[in-house]
Amino acid sequence: MDTEAKHPERDRSSAPATGPEEGSRSSRMPSRTATSISWRRTAVLGAACSAFVLLLSAFVVRPYLIPSRSMEPTLHVGDRVMVNKLAYRFGSGPHRGDVVVFDGTGSFVQEPPRENPVAGLLHRAAASLGLAEPAETDYVKRVVGVGGDRVVCCDRRGRIEVNGHPLAEDYLHPGDEPSRVRFDIVVPEGTLWMMGDHRSNSRDSRDHLGEPGGGMVPVGRVIGRVDWIGWPLRRMGSLPDSAAFTGVPAPGGAHG
């Protein structure tokens, strides 16, 4: 007599059927939870990248879309330049010949235009990324005179003089005179005398001589120095150097 316990064979028909096709299909379909986590990660990463770019634009380097022909041939309409916001943060001020972006409120624009707050905020955010034209109060010009300088137009050969030294302005738009407007000004300390390179197509300090401030731009209104053209690719590179201000003496006659 067989005394060993015979274990009944388990009925395999009762096990859930998971054929190869069904199993592979379920493995290919991500769960809703996984999809939700993926979207959240993407959103967080996008927000972090946007915040980083905005902080970079606010404190270090800011893209700026050139909106007009006033700085031709140095800068063209549609150029996207990089504005170095750290250039004057550590005690150094703008120098003669620097190309800078500045807020013209109170000098070139007496009252900023009214705008919808929400639309204005969105436009400023886009402009800070170089995706839209800058605010109407933002300008890009070349520094021709700094505090204490005497700037005169013009000498007998039609050249602008700074502290008695005539400028050989090699950056001027071909065919332009240094200035058709005559002036003889002394730049107050803490301010700048600004002019565009396309003198016949630039509204600059000359156009505001009779207004409050006399066309002078406070140094504190300077946003940064234009160091680099980033777009289009065919124009990419640093701004060309100029020797126009070499030899200009410091105010009072001592050469700098």
C-alpha atoms as a PDB file:
ATOM      1  CA  MET A   1       0.000   0.000   0.000  1.00  0.00           C
ATOM      2  CA  ASP A   2       1.297   3.366  -1.023  1.00  0.00           C
ATOM      3  CA  THR A   3       1.550   5.378   2.169  1.00  0.00           C
ATOM      4  CA  GLU A   4       3.137   8.479   0.600  1.00  0.00           C
ATOM      5  CA  ALA A   5       0.869  11.502   0.494  1.00  0.00           C
ATOM      6  CA  LYS A   6       0.080  12.351  -3.025  1.00  0.00           C
ATOM      7  CA  HIS A   7      -0.145  16.040  -3.560  1.00  0.00           C
ATOM      8  CA  PRO A   8      -2.856  16.804  -6.027  1.00  0.00           C
ATOM      9  CA  GLU A   9      -1.573  18.619  -9.064  1.00  0.00           C
ATOM     10  CA  ARG A  10      -2.626  22.260  -9.076  1.00  0.00           C
ATOM     11  CA  ASP A  11      -5.188  23.014 -11.706  1.00  0.00           C
ATOM     12  CA  ARG A  12      -3.295  25.299 -14.059  1.00  0.00           C
ATOM     13  CA  SER A  13      -6.470  26.294 -15.777  1.00  0.00           C
ATOM     14  CA  SER A  14      -7.364  28.383 -12.731  1.00  0.00           C
ATOM     15  CA  ALA A  15      -4.254  30.584 -13.060  1.00  0.00           C
ATOM     16  CA  PRO A  16      -4.818  33.934 -14.782  1.00  0.00           C
ATOM     17  CA  ALA A  17      -4.028  33.788 -18.427  1.00  0.00           C
ATOM     18  CA  THR A  18      -1.257  36.160 -19.453  1.00  0.00           C
ATOM     19  CA  GLY A  19      -0.358  35.423 -22.975  1.00  0.00           C
ATOM     20  CA  PRO A  20       2.751  36.914 -24.551  1.00  0.00           C
ATOM     21  CA  GLU A  21       0.772  39.468 -26.546  1.00  0.00           C
ATOM     22  CA  GLU A  22      -1.181  40.755 -23.578  1.00  0.00           C
ATOM     23  CA  GLY A  23       1.907  40.971 -21.349  1.00  0.00           C
ATOM     24  CA  SER A  24       3.926  42.885 -23.890  1.00  0.00           C
ATOM     25  CA  ARG A  25       1.052  45.279 -24.485  1.00  0.00           C
ATOM     26  CA  SER A  26       0.733  46.093 -20.798  1.00  0.00           C
ATOM     27  CA  SER A  27       4.472  46.684 -20.516  1.00  0.00           C
ATOM     28  CA  ARG A  28       4.359  49.128 -23.387  1.00  0.00           C
ATOM     29  CA  MET A  29       1.633  51.318 -21.877  1.00  0.00           C
ATOM     30  CA  PRO A  30       2.977  53.734 -19.233  1.00  0.00           C
ATOM     31  CA  SER A  31       0.775  54.352 -16.281  1.00  0.00           C
ATOM     32  CA  ARG A  32      -0.996  57.649 -15.783  1.00  0.00           C
ATOM     33  CA  THR A  33       1.084  58.239 -12.668  1.00  0.00           C
ATOM     34  CA  ALA A  34       4.361  57.894 -14.579  1.00  0.00           C
ATOM     35  CA  THR A  35       3.117  60.258 -17.300  1.00  0.00           C
ATOM     36  CA  SER A  36       2.051  62.824 -14.703  1.00  0.00           C
ATOM     37  CA  ILE A  37       5.457  62.664 -12.994  1.00  0.00           C
ATOM     38  CA  SER A  38       7.191  63.084 -16.348  1.00  0.00           C
ATOM     39  CA  TRP A  39       5.175  66.207 -17.176  1.00  0.00           C
ATOM     40  CA  ARG A  40       5.833  67.664 -13.727  1.00  0.00           C
ATOM     41  CA  ARG A  41       9.560  67.124 -14.118  1.00  0.00           C
ATOM     42  CA  THR A  42       9.500  68.790 -17.518  1.00  0.00           C
ATOM     43  CA  ALA A  43       7.553  71.768 -16.140  1.00  0.00           C
ATOM     44  CA  VAL A  44       9.913  72.156 -13.173  1.00  0.00           C
ATOM     45  CA  LEU A  45      12.975  71.930 -15.426  1.00  0.00           C
ATOM     46  CA  GLY A  46      11.505  74.512 -17.827  1.00  0.00           C
ATOM     47  CA  ALA A  47      10.677  76.893 -14.981  1.00  0.00           C
ATOM     48  CA  ALA A  48      14.172  76.510 -13.516  1.00  0.00           C
ATOM     49  CA  CYS A  49      15.810  77.202 -16.893  1.00  0.00           C
ATOM     50  CA  SER A  50      13.598  80.263 -17.465  1.00  0.00           C
ATOM     51  CA  ALA A  51      14.399  81.604 -14.005  1.00  0.00           C
ATOM     52  CA  PHE A  52      18.118  81.103 -14.603  1.00  0.00           C
ATOM     53  CA  VAL A  53      18.012  82.930 -17.950  1.00  0.00           C
ATOM     54  CA  LEU A  54      16.021  85.818 -16.467  1.00  0.00           C
ATOM     55  CA  LEU A  55      18.433  86.142 -13.540  1.00  0.00           C
ATOM     56  CA  LEU A  56      21.368  86.061 -15.949  1.00  0.00           C
ATOM     57  CA  SER A  57      19.697  88.762 -18.040  1.00  0.00           C
ATOM     58  CA  ALA A  58      18.944  90.883 -14.980  1.00  0.00           C
ATOM     59  CA  PHE A  59      22.393  90.848 -13.407  1.00  0.00           C
ATOM     60  CA  VAL A  60      25.093  89.591 -15.786  1.00  0.00           C
ATOM     61  CA  VAL A  61      24.471  89.772 -19.530  1.00  0.00           C
ATOM     62  CA  ARG A  62      21.372  90.847 -21.388  1.00  0.00           C
ATOM     63  CA  PRO A  63      20.434  90.254 -25.022  1.00  0.00           C
ATOM     64  CA  TYR A  64      19.316  93.431 -26.790  1.00  0.00           C
ATOM     65  CA  LEU A  65      17.564  93.653 -30.151  1.00  0.00           C
ATOM     66  CA  ILE A  66      18.736  96.641 -32.212  1.00  0.00           C
ATOM     67  CA  PRO A  67      15.558  98.478 -33.305  1.00  0.00           C
ATOM     68  CA  SER A  68      16.856 101.299 -35.532  1.00  0.00           C
ATOM     69  CA  ARG A  69      19.583 102.430 -37.946  1.00  0.00           C
ATOM     70  CA  SER A  70      21.039 105.037 -35.580  1.00  0.00           C
ATOM     71  CA  MET A  71      24.212 103.013 -34.893  1.00  0.00           C
ATOM     72  CA  GLU A  72      25.019 101.921 -38.451  1.00  0.00           C
ATOM     73  CA  PRO A  73      27.457 100.727 -39.657  1.00  0.00           C
ATOM     74  CA  THR A  74      28.535  99.409 -36.219  1.00  0.00           C
ATOM     75  CA  LEU A  75      25.129  97.872 -35.449  1.00  0.00           C
ATOM     76  CA  HIS A  76      22.350  96.980 -37.878  1.00  0.00           C
ATOM     77  CA  VAL A  77      18.600  96.695 -37.458  1.00  0.00           C
ATOM     78  CA  GLY A  78      17.813  93.202 -36.196  1.00  0.00           C
ATOM     79  CA  ASP A  79      21.229  92.575 -34.655  1.00  0.00           C
ATOM     80  CA  ARG A  80      21.036  90.859 -31.300  1.00  0.00           C
ATOM     81  CA  VAL A  81      23.849  92.123 -29.123  1.00  0.00           C
ATOM     82  CA  MET A  82      25.031  91.047 -25.700  1.00  0.00           C
ATOM     83  CA  VAL A  83      25.041  93.816 -23.099  1.00  0.00           C
ATOM     84  CA  ASN A  84      27.620  93.352 -20.341  1.00  0.00           C
ATOM     85  CA  LYS A  85      25.846  94.487 -17.159  1.00  0.00           C
ATOM     86  CA  LEU A  86      28.924  93.914 -15.004  1.00  0.00           C
ATOM     87  CA  ALA A  87      31.142  96.268 -17.039  1.00  0.00           C
ATOM     88  CA  TYR A  88      30.584  99.234 -14.704  1.00  0.00           C
ATOM     89  CA  ARG A  89      29.605  97.489 -11.471  1.00  0.00           C
ATOM     90  CA  PHE A  90      32.975  97.548  -9.725  1.00  0.00           C
ATOM     91  CA  GLY A  91      33.996 101.191  -9.727  1.00  0.00           C
ATOM     92  CA  SER A  92      34.813 101.650 -13.404  1.00  0.00           C
ATOM     93  CA  GLY A  93      32.606 104.078 -15.307  1.00  0.00           C
ATOM     94  CA  PRO A  94      31.853 104.348 -19.026  1.00  0.00           C
ATOM     95  CA  HIS A  95      34.767 105.477 -21.196  1.00  0.00           C
ATOM     96  CA  ARG A  96      34.806 107.617 -24.318  1.00  0.00           C
ATOM     97  CA  GLY A  97      34.096 105.386 -27.291  1.00  0.00           C
ATOM     98  CA  ASP A  98      32.084 102.765 -25.394  1.00  0.00           C
ATOM     99  CA  VAL A  99      28.827 101.674 -27.007  1.00  0.00           C
ATOM    100  CA  VAL A 100      26.245 101.415 -24.244  1.00  0.00           C
ATOM    101  CA  VAL A 101      22.579 100.705 -23.660  1.00  0.00           C
ATOM    102  CA  PHE A 102      20.868 103.117 -21.279  1.00  0.00           C
ATOM    103  CA  ASP A 103      17.485 104.143 -19.935  1.00  0.00           C
ATOM    104  CA  GLY A 104      16.697 107.539 -21.446  1.00  0.00           C
ATOM    105  CA  THR A 105      14.013 108.444 -18.911  1.00  0.00           C
ATOM    106  CA  GLY A 106      14.664 111.987 -17.730  1.00  0.00           C
ATOM    107  CA  SER A 107      17.173 112.754 -20.492  1.00  0.00           C
ATOM    108  CA  PHE A 108      15.971 111.578 -23.902  1.00  0.00           C
ATOM    109  CA  VAL A 109      12.407 110.923 -22.688  1.00  0.00           C
ATOM    110  CA  GLN A 110      10.941 113.276 -20.117  1.00  0.00           C
ATOM    111  CA  GLU A 111       7.894 111.111 -19.338  1.00  0.00           C
ATOM    112  CA  PRO A 112       7.748 107.365 -20.041  1.00  0.00           C
ATOM    113  CA  PRO A 113       4.737 106.302 -22.151  1.00  0.00           C
ATOM    114  CA  ARG A 114       1.768 104.780 -20.355  1.00  0.00           C
ATOM    115  CA  GLU A 115       1.180 101.089 -20.911  1.00  0.00           C
ATOM    116  CA  ASN A 116      -0.953  98.212 -19.761  1.00  0.00           C
ATOM    117  CA  PRO A 117       0.848  96.733 -16.710  1.00  0.00           C
ATOM    118  CA  VAL A 118       0.405  93.108 -17.785  1.00  0.00           C
ATOM    119  CA  ALA A 119       1.333  93.770 -21.422  1.00  0.00           C
ATOM    120  CA  GLY A 120       4.292  95.846 -20.258  1.00  0.00           C
ATOM    121  CA  LEU A 121       5.538  93.072 -17.988  1.00  0.00           C
ATOM    122  CA  LEU A 122       5.301  90.472 -20.764  1.00  0.00           C
ATOM    123  CA  HIS A 123       7.032  92.798 -23.229  1.00  0.00           C
ATOM    124  CA  ARG A 124       9.881  93.526 -20.818  1.00  0.00           C
ATOM    125  CA  ALA A 125      10.353  89.804 -20.188  1.00  0.00           C
ATOM    126  CA  ALA A 126      10.516  89.121 -23.940  1.00  0.00           C
ATOM    127  CA  ALA A 127      12.845  92.092 -24.497  1.00  0.00           C
ATOM    128  CA  SER A 128      15.162  90.905 -21.723  1.00  0.00           C
ATOM    129  CA  LEU A 129      15.611  87.673 -23.700  1.00  0.00           C
ATOM    130  CA  GLY A 130      16.191  89.498 -26.982  1.00  0.00           C
ATOM    131  CA  LEU A 131      12.878  88.235 -28.398  1.00  0.00           C
ATOM    132  CA  ALA A 132      11.216  91.642 -28.734  1.00  0.00           C
ATOM    133  CA  GLU A 133      12.235  95.221 -29.374  1.00  0.00           C
ATOM    134  CA  PRO A 134      13.442  97.046 -26.260  1.00  0.00           C
ATOM    135  CA  ALA A 135      11.301  99.472 -24.298  1.00  0.00           C
ATOM    136  CA  GLU A 136      10.728 102.870 -25.885  1.00  0.00           C
ATOM    137  CA  THR A 137      12.876 104.423 -23.166  1.00  0.00           C
ATOM    138  CA  ASP A 138      15.925 102.225 -23.889  1.00  0.00           C
ATOM    139  CA  TYR A 139      18.605 103.509 -26.276  1.00  0.00           C
ATOM    140  CA  VAL A 140      21.935 102.350 -27.640  1.00  0.00           C
ATOM    141  CA  LYS A 141      24.548 105.060 -28.398  1.00  0.00           C
ATOM    142  CA  ARG A 142      28.266 105.771 -28.255  1.00  0.00           C
ATOM    143  CA  VAL A 143      29.830 107.701 -25.376  1.00  0.00           C
ATOM    144  CA  VAL A 144      31.522 110.798 -26.848  1.00  0.00           C
ATOM    145  CA  GLY A 145      31.991 112.846 -23.686  1.00  0.00           C
ATOM    146  CA  VAL A 146      32.305 111.968 -19.990  1.00  0.00           C
ATOM    147  CA  GLY A 147      32.062 114.146 -16.898  1.00  0.00           C
ATOM    148  CA  GLY A 148      34.189 117.285 -17.167  1.00  0.00           C
ATOM    149  CA  ASP A 149      34.805 117.015 -20.919  1.00  0.00           C
ATOM    150  CA  ARG A 150      34.283 119.961 -23.234  1.00  0.00           C
ATOM    151  CA  VAL A 151      32.715 118.704 -26.476  1.00  0.00           C
ATOM    152  CA  VAL A 152      32.607 121.097 -29.416  1.00  0.00           C
ATOM    153  CA  CYS A 153      31.255 120.902 -32.926  1.00  0.00           C
ATOM    154  CA  CYS A 154      33.056 121.593 -34.972  1.00  0.00           C
ATOM    155  CA  ASP A 155      36.609 122.642 -35.861  1.00  0.00           C
ATOM    156  CA  ARG A 156      37.575 124.219 -39.215  1.00  0.00           C
ATOM    157  CA  ARG A 157      37.756 120.769 -40.819  1.00  0.00           C
ATOM    158  CA  GLY A 158      34.316 119.794 -39.551  1.00  0.00           C
ATOM    159  CA  ARG A 159      35.564 117.437 -36.826  1.00  0.00           C
ATOM    160  CA  ILE A 160      34.193 117.128 -33.294  1.00  0.00           C
ATOM    161  CA  GLU A 161      36.663 118.143 -30.603  1.00  0.00           C
ATOM    162  CA  VAL A 162      36.871 116.731 -27.090  1.00  0.00           C
ATOM    163  CA  ASN A 163      38.989 118.853 -24.739  1.00  0.00           C
ATOM    164  CA  GLY A 164      40.517 120.538 -27.773  1.00  0.00           C
ATOM    165  CA  HIS A 165      41.475 117.261 -29.472  1.00  0.00           C
ATOM    166  CA  PRO A 166      39.861 116.595 -32.896  1.00  0.00           C
ATOM    167  CA  LEU A 167      38.336 113.142 -33.320  1.00  0.00           C
ATOM    168  CA  ALA A 168      39.044 110.913 -36.313  1.00  0.00           C
ATOM    169  CA  GLU A 169      35.741 109.030 -36.082  1.00  0.00           C
ATOM    170  CA  ASP A 170      36.341 105.962 -38.212  1.00  0.00           C
ATOM    171  CA  TYR A 171      33.039 104.401 -37.113  1.00  0.00           C
ATOM    172  CA  LEU A 172      30.787 107.027 -38.752  1.00  0.00           C
ATOM    173  CA  HIS A 173      28.277 106.007 -41.390  1.00  0.00           C
ATOM    174  CA  PRO A 174      29.756 106.584 -44.870  1.00  0.00           C
ATOM    175  CA  GLY A 175      28.775 110.020 -46.186  1.00  0.00           C
ATOM    176  CA  ASP A 176      27.749 111.412 -42.775  1.00  0.00           C
ATOM    177  CA  GLU A 177      29.174 114.612 -41.343  1.00  0.00           C
ATOM    178  CA  PRO A 178      30.272 114.408 -37.697  1.00  0.00           C
ATOM    179  CA  SER A 179      27.338 116.726 -36.947  1.00  0.00           C
ATOM    180  CA  ARG A 180      25.214 119.313 -38.704  1.00  0.00           C
ATOM    181  CA  VAL A 181      24.156 120.655 -35.304  1.00  0.00           C
ATOM    182  CA  ARG A 182      26.651 123.084 -33.792  1.00  0.00           C
ATOM    183  CA  PHE A 183      27.248 122.907 -30.045  1.00  0.00           C
ATOM    184  CA  ASP A 184      29.804 123.772 -27.382  1.00  0.00           C
ATOM    185  CA  ILE A 185      29.065 122.046 -24.093  1.00  0.00           C
ATOM    186  CA  VAL A 186      30.801 120.958 -20.908  1.00  0.00           C
ATOM    187  CA  VAL A 187      29.575 117.591 -19.654  1.00  0.00           C
ATOM    188  CA  PRO A 188      28.564 117.773 -15.969  1.00  0.00           C
ATOM    189  CA  GLU A 189      30.188 115.268 -13.601  1.00  0.00           C
ATOM    190  CA  GLY A 190      28.241 112.032 -13.338  1.00  0.00           C
ATOM    191  CA  THR A 191      26.731 112.375 -16.823  1.00  0.00           C
ATOM    192  CA  LEU A 192      27.550 111.400 -20.407  1.00  0.00           C
ATOM    193  CA  TRP A 193      27.248 112.985 -23.861  1.00  0.00           C
ATOM    194  CA  MET A 194      25.846 110.354 -26.249  1.00  0.00           C
ATOM    195  CA  MET A 195      25.824 110.233 -30.054  1.00  0.00           C
ATOM    196  CA  GLY A 196      24.856 107.634 -32.655  1.00  0.00           C
ATOM    197  CA  ASP A 197      27.275 106.486 -35.354  1.00  0.00           C
ATOM    198  CA  HIS A 198      24.752 107.244 -38.101  1.00  0.00           C
ATOM    199  CA  ARG A 199      24.743 110.960 -37.340  1.00  0.00           C
ATOM    200  CA  SER A 200      22.188 111.933 -39.994  1.00  0.00           C
ATOM    201  CA  ASN A 201      19.749 109.286 -38.715  1.00  0.00           C
ATOM    202  CA  SER A 202      20.230 109.436 -34.951  1.00  0.00           C
ATOM    203  CA  ARG A 203      18.273 111.231 -32.271  1.00  0.00           C
ATOM    204  CA  ASP A 204      20.825 111.662 -29.522  1.00  0.00           C
ATOM    205  CA  SER A 205      22.159 114.219 -27.031  1.00  0.00           C
ATOM    206  CA  ARG A 206      22.201 116.917 -29.719  1.00  0.00           C
ATOM    207  CA  ASP A 207      18.407 116.776 -30.053  1.00  0.00           C
ATOM    208  CA  HIS A 208      17.831 117.510 -26.363  1.00  0.00           C
ATOM    209  CA  LEU A 209      20.110 120.494 -25.814  1.00  0.00           C
ATOM    210  CA  GLY A 210      17.240 122.807 -24.936  1.00  0.00           C
ATOM    211  CA  GLU A 211      15.418 120.359 -22.685  1.00  0.00           C
ATOM    212  CA  PRO A 212      15.851 119.707 -18.945  1.00  0.00           C
ATOM    213  CA  GLY A 213      19.204 118.001 -18.485  1.00  0.00           C
ATOM    214  CA  GLY A 214      20.525 119.374 -21.781  1.00  0.00           C
ATOM    215  CA  GLY A 215      20.728 115.930 -23.383  1.00  0.00           C
ATOM    216  CA  MET A 216      23.123 114.593 -20.740  1.00  0.00           C
ATOM    217  CA  VAL A 217      22.553 110.990 -19.617  1.00  0.00           C
ATOM    218  CA  PRO A 218      23.219 110.187 -15.937  1.00  0.00           C
ATOM    219  CA  VAL A 219      25.796 107.436 -15.502  1.00  0.00           C
ATOM    220  CA  GLY A 220      23.349 105.666 -13.185  1.00  0.00           C
ATOM    221  CA  ARG A 221      20.983 105.179 -16.127  1.00  0.00           C
ATOM    222  CA  VAL A 222      23.475 103.084 -18.065  1.00  0.00           C
ATOM    223  CA  ILE A 223      22.298  99.462 -18.288  1.00  0.00           C
ATOM    224  CA  GLY A 224      25.539  98.027 -19.661  1.00  0.00           C
ATOM    225  CA  ARG A 225      28.184  98.014 -22.363  1.00  0.00           C
ATOM    226  CA  VAL A 226      27.668  96.358 -25.738  1.00  0.00           C
ATOM    227  CA  ASP A 227      30.541  93.913 -26.133  1.00  0.00           C
ATOM    228  CA  TRP A 228      29.372  91.298 -28.607  1.00  0.00           C
ATOM    229  CA  ILE A 229      27.071  90.722 -31.588  1.00  0.00           C
ATOM    230  CA  GLY A 230      25.434  87.318 -31.150  1.00  0.00           C
ATOM    231  CA  TRP A 231      23.098  87.244 -34.160  1.00  0.00           C
ATOM    232  CA  PRO A 232      22.955  86.951 -37.144  1.00  0.00           C
ATOM    233  CA  LEU A 233      25.732  84.379 -37.506  1.00  0.00           C
ATOM    234  CA  ARG A 234      27.422  86.223 -40.379  1.00  0.00           C
ATOM    235  CA  ARG A 235      27.950  89.247 -38.080  1.00  0.00           C
ATOM    236  CA  MET A 236      28.795  87.348 -34.908  1.00  0.00           C
ATOM    237  CA  GLY A 237      31.789  88.707 -33.048  1.00  0.00           C
ATOM    238  CA  SER A 238      33.018  91.464 -30.777  1.00  0.00           C
ATOM    239  CA  LEU A 239      32.509  95.132 -31.645  1.00  0.00           C
ATOM    240  CA  PRO A 240      35.365  96.607 -33.687  1.00  0.00           C
ATOM    241  CA  ASP A 241      37.893  98.705 -31.801  1.00  0.00           C
ATOM    242  CA  SER A 242      38.364 102.366 -32.640  1.00  0.00           C
ATOM    243  CA  ALA A 243      41.327 104.658 -32.055  1.00  0.00           C
ATOM    244  CA  ALA A 244      39.146 107.775 -32.373  1.00  0.00           C
ATOM    245  CA  PHE A 245      39.629 108.815 -28.742  1.00  0.00           C
ATOM    246  CA  THR A 246      43.319 107.977 -28.449  1.00  0.00           C
ATOM    247  CA  GLY A 247      45.187 111.071 -27.350  1.00  0.00           C
ATOM    248  CA  VAL A 248      42.161 112.936 -25.961  1.00  0.00           C
ATOM    249  CA  PRO A 249      43.441 114.826 -22.892  1.00  0.00           C
ATOM    250  CA  ALA A 250      41.664 114.648 -19.583  1.00  0.00           C
ATOM    251  CA  PRO A 251      39.596 117.696 -18.621  1.00  0.00           C
ATOM    252  CA  GLY A 252      41.990 120.500 -17.701  1.00  0.00           C
ATOM    253  CA  GLY A 253      44.668 119.548 -20.212  1.00  0.00           C
ATOM    254  CA  ALA A 254      46.433 116.479 -18.726  1.00  0.00           C
ATOM    255  CA  HIS A 255      46.545 113.630 -21.223  1.00  0.00           C
ATOM    256  CA  GLY A 256      44.786 110.383 -20.210  1.00  0.00           C
END
